[in-house]
Amino acid sequence: GVIIKQCLKYFQSVNSTQTLILHITNFSSLGLCGNWTAMVPITLSRNGVVNGEKTQVLITTFADRVFILVSQLDKIGTLLEGQRDVSANSQPVTLGKESTYSIDVVLGNREDMFARVVVRQMLELVKKIGDEKKAAWADLPLLVGISMKTKNRESESQKSDFSHISQFTLQHLLGLFEDCLRDS
């Protein structure tokens, strides 16, 4: 009761997310906040350059999903939800040895196939790295916001043909995401 209120008051006074994460870790290691820290979403971030543009990746894990923001525009952009398909008896649905995934556009450009490809790759990385770390977030659905500068993307006439998407762009974007995810 009283200790939780003191923790909340203290955390509200902290200005920086990184400082907040440090203090939560310190309070948790001292046992001052008990299990309360398990309810606090932790955000990881990584900055990098993709196609010559400053790109930020933020990953926040919640109890029921993982929120990911990939931005070159400091905006959420197209918001997609992705999750691994499961059968009625909660078993993963596979096609051969590969898992299947559902990806839906929640808000934004429904024609943005690049965003769907990125979310699919992110789902696979979250599962792979989550399983390696035995993390609770390995099987959670993803909510992903993607806003990339259009000059880095293909022309309007090429958007429907995916053979041209720059592997360089995709690899660097996913590499930045993987680095951030592995820091968790």
Protein backbone atom coordinates (compact mmCIF):
# COMPACT_ATOMS: atom_id res chain seq x y z
CA GLY A 1 0.00 0.00 0.00
CA VAL A 2 2.24 2.81 1.26
CA ILE A 3 5.36 1.56 -0.54
CA ILE A 4 3.43 1.25 -3.84
CA LYS A 5 2.16 4.85 -3.45
CA GLN A 6 5.72 6.04 -2.78
CA CYS A 7 6.99 4.17 -5.84
CA LEU A 8 4.23 5.66 -8.02
CA LYS A 9 4.91 9.18 -6.75
CA TYR A 10 8.63 8.77 -7.39
CA PHE A 11 8.18 7.30 -10.89
CA GLN A 12 5.83 10.15 -11.86
CA SER A 13 8.59 12.65 -11.00
CA VAL A 14 11.13 10.99 -13.33
CA ASN A 15 11.51 12.84 -16.64
CA SER A 16 13.36 10.37 -18.85
CA THR A 17 12.26 6.90 -19.93
CA GLN A 18 15.80 5.54 -19.61
CA THR A 19 16.10 7.00 -16.11
CA LEU A 20 12.72 5.52 -15.26
CA ILE A 21 13.82 2.07 -16.45
CA LEU A 22 17.02 2.36 -14.39
CA HIS A 23 15.07 3.34 -11.27
CA ILE A 24 12.49 0.59 -11.77
CA THR A 25 15.34 -1.90 -12.01
CA ASN A 26 16.95 -0.49 -8.85
CA PHE A 27 13.68 -0.52 -6.89
CA SER A 28 12.91 -4.03 -8.11
CA SER A 29 16.35 -5.37 -7.15
CA LEU A 30 15.91 -3.94 -3.67
CA GLY A 31 12.46 -5.54 -3.39
CA LEU A 32 10.88 -2.16 -2.65
CA CYS A 33 8.05 -2.45 -5.14
CA GLY A 34 7.36 -6.19 -5.03
CA ASN A 35 5.57 -7.47 -8.15
CA TRP A 36 4.36 -3.99 -9.08
CA THR A 37 7.26 -3.59 -11.54
CA ALA A 38 6.00 -6.57 -13.56
CA MET A 39 2.99 -4.44 -14.56
CA VAL A 40 5.12 -1.54 -15.86
CA PRO A 41 5.60 -1.63 -19.64
CA ILE A 42 9.27 -1.29 -20.51
CA THR A 43 10.27 0.53 -23.71
CA LEU A 44 13.47 -0.20 -25.57
CA SER A 45 14.71 2.07 -28.32
CA ARG A 46 17.35 2.01 -30.99
CA ASN A 47 18.34 4.71 -33.48
CA GLY A 48 20.05 3.98 -36.76
CA VAL A 49 20.23 4.92 -40.41
CA VAL A 50 18.20 3.14 -43.10
CA ASN A 51 18.70 4.34 -46.69
CA GLY A 52 20.44 7.47 -45.44
CA GLU A 53 17.54 8.46 -43.17
CA LYS A 54 17.56 8.59 -39.36
CA THR A 55 15.30 5.75 -38.22
CA GLN A 56 13.99 5.06 -34.74
CA VAL A 57 12.71 1.72 -33.45
CA LEU A 58 10.75 1.58 -30.18
CA ILE A 59 9.57 -1.68 -28.64
CA THR A 60 7.20 -1.69 -25.67
CA THR A 61 6.07 -4.97 -24.15
CA PHE A 62 2.66 -5.09 -22.51
CA ALA A 63 0.98 -8.06 -20.84
CA ASP A 64 -1.15 -8.82 -23.91
CA ARG A 65 0.90 -7.56 -26.89
CA VAL A 66 4.10 -5.97 -28.08
CA PHE A 67 3.91 -2.44 -29.49
CA ILE A 68 6.57 -1.57 -32.06
CA LEU A 69 7.14 1.78 -33.70
CA VAL A 70 9.46 2.15 -36.68
CA SER A 71 9.69 5.77 -37.75
CA GLN A 72 11.67 8.12 -39.91
CA LEU A 73 8.98 10.80 -39.56
CA ASP A 74 8.38 10.92 -35.77
CA LYS A 75 4.83 9.66 -36.40
CA ILE A 76 3.02 6.35 -36.00
CA GLY A 77 2.13 6.07 -39.71
CA THR A 78 0.34 2.93 -40.83
CA LEU A 79 -0.76 0.85 -37.83
CA LEU A 80 -0.85 -2.91 -38.33
CA GLU A 81 -1.66 -5.85 -36.09
CA GLY A 82 0.08 -9.17 -36.64
CA GLN A 83 -0.17 -12.48 -34.89
CA ARG A 84 0.69 -16.12 -35.32
CA ASP A 85 -2.30 -18.18 -36.44
CA VAL A 86 -3.56 -20.76 -33.96
CA SER A 87 -6.17 -23.49 -34.33
CA ALA A 88 -9.25 -23.98 -32.14
CA ASN A 89 -7.19 -26.12 -29.75
CA SER A 90 -4.53 -23.35 -29.44
CA GLN A 91 -1.94 -25.13 -31.58
CA PRO A 92 0.08 -23.09 -34.11
CA VAL A 93 -1.19 -23.37 -37.68
CA THR A 94 1.57 -24.39 -40.08
CA LEU A 95 1.98 -24.77 -43.79
CA GLY A 96 4.63 -27.46 -44.11
CA LYS A 97 7.17 -26.53 -41.42
CA GLU A 98 6.41 -22.78 -41.55
CA SER A 99 4.02 -21.02 -39.19
CA THR A 100 1.27 -18.92 -40.72
CA TYR A 101 0.49 -15.39 -39.62
CA SER A 102 -2.41 -12.95 -39.91
CA ILE A 103 -1.61 -9.31 -40.57
CA ASP A 104 -4.32 -6.65 -40.59
CA VAL A 105 -4.13 -2.92 -41.18
CA VAL A 106 -5.78 -1.18 -38.24
CA LEU A 107 -5.29 2.41 -39.43
CA GLY A 108 -3.64 3.90 -42.46
CA ASN A 109 -2.68 2.78 -45.93
CA ARG A 110 -4.28 -0.62 -46.62
CA GLU A 111 -2.31 -0.90 -49.89
CA ASP A 112 1.10 -0.65 -48.19
CA MET A 113 2.56 -4.08 -48.93
CA PHE A 114 6.01 -3.05 -47.68
CA ALA A 115 4.56 -2.57 -44.17
CA ARG A 116 2.97 -6.04 -44.31
CA VAL A 117 6.30 -7.61 -45.30
CA VAL A 118 8.06 -5.81 -42.45
CA VAL A 119 5.46 -6.95 -39.89
CA ARG A 120 5.69 -10.56 -41.13
CA GLN A 121 9.48 -10.50 -40.71
CA MET A 122 9.11 -8.90 -37.27
CA LEU A 123 6.72 -11.64 -36.15
CA GLU A 124 9.28 -14.26 -37.12
CA LEU A 125 12.11 -12.42 -35.32
CA VAL A 126 10.03 -11.90 -32.16
CA LYS A 127 9.22 -15.61 -32.07
CA LYS A 128 12.82 -16.69 -32.75
CA ILE A 129 14.51 -14.32 -30.29
CA GLY A 130 11.73 -14.70 -27.72
CA ASP A 131 12.12 -18.47 -27.77
CA GLU A 132 15.91 -18.15 -27.45
CA LYS A 133 15.46 -15.93 -24.38
CA LYS A 134 12.50 -17.94 -23.06
CA ALA A 135 10.64 -14.64 -22.95
CA ALA A 136 6.95 -14.32 -22.16
CA TRP A 137 6.51 -12.00 -25.16
CA ALA A 138 7.57 -14.61 -27.75
CA ASP A 139 3.99 -15.56 -28.65
CA LEU A 140 2.25 -12.23 -28.13
CA PRO A 141 0.56 -10.42 -31.02
CA LEU A 142 2.29 -7.33 -32.42
CA LEU A 143 0.86 -3.86 -32.90
CA VAL A 144 3.22 -2.09 -35.30
CA GLY A 145 3.34 1.52 -36.46
CA ILE A 146 5.48 2.16 -39.55
CA SER A 147 6.25 5.58 -41.01
CA MET A 148 9.05 5.64 -43.55
CA LYS A 149 9.96 8.49 -45.88
CA THR A 150 8.48 7.85 -49.31
CA LYS A 151 11.65 8.80 -51.17
CA ASN A 152 13.14 5.60 -49.72
CA ARG A 153 10.31 3.56 -51.14
CA GLU A 154 9.59 2.52 -54.68
CA SER A 155 7.65 4.59 -57.21
CA GLU A 156 3.85 4.34 -57.43
CA SER A 157 4.06 2.26 -60.60
CA GLN A 158 6.25 -0.35 -58.89
CA LYS A 159 4.40 -0.75 -55.57
CA SER A 160 2.43 -3.84 -56.57
CA ASP A 161 5.51 -5.78 -57.75
CA PHE A 162 7.54 -6.94 -54.76
CA SER A 163 10.52 -8.35 -56.62
CA HIS A 164 12.12 -4.88 -56.63
CA ILE A 165 11.90 -4.04 -52.92
CA SER A 166 15.33 -3.23 -51.76
CA GLN A 167 16.75 -6.10 -49.74
CA PHE A 168 19.13 -3.46 -48.41
CA THR A 169 16.24 -1.45 -46.94
CA LEU A 170 14.53 -4.49 -45.47
CA GLN A 171 17.74 -6.00 -44.06
CA HIS A 172 18.87 -2.75 -42.43
CA LEU A 173 15.44 -2.03 -40.99
CA LEU A 174 15.11 -5.55 -39.59
CA GLY A 175 18.71 -5.47 -38.34
CA LEU A 176 17.95 -2.34 -36.36
CA PHE A 177 14.79 -4.00 -34.99
CA GLU A 178 16.68 -7.19 -34.09
CA ASP A 179 19.40 -5.23 -32.25
CA CYS A 180 16.73 -3.49 -30.20
CA LEU A 181 14.89 -6.74 -29.51
CA ARG A 182 18.04 -8.55 -28.39
CA ASP A 183 18.69 -5.75 -25.86
CA SER A 184 15.53 -6.76 -23.98
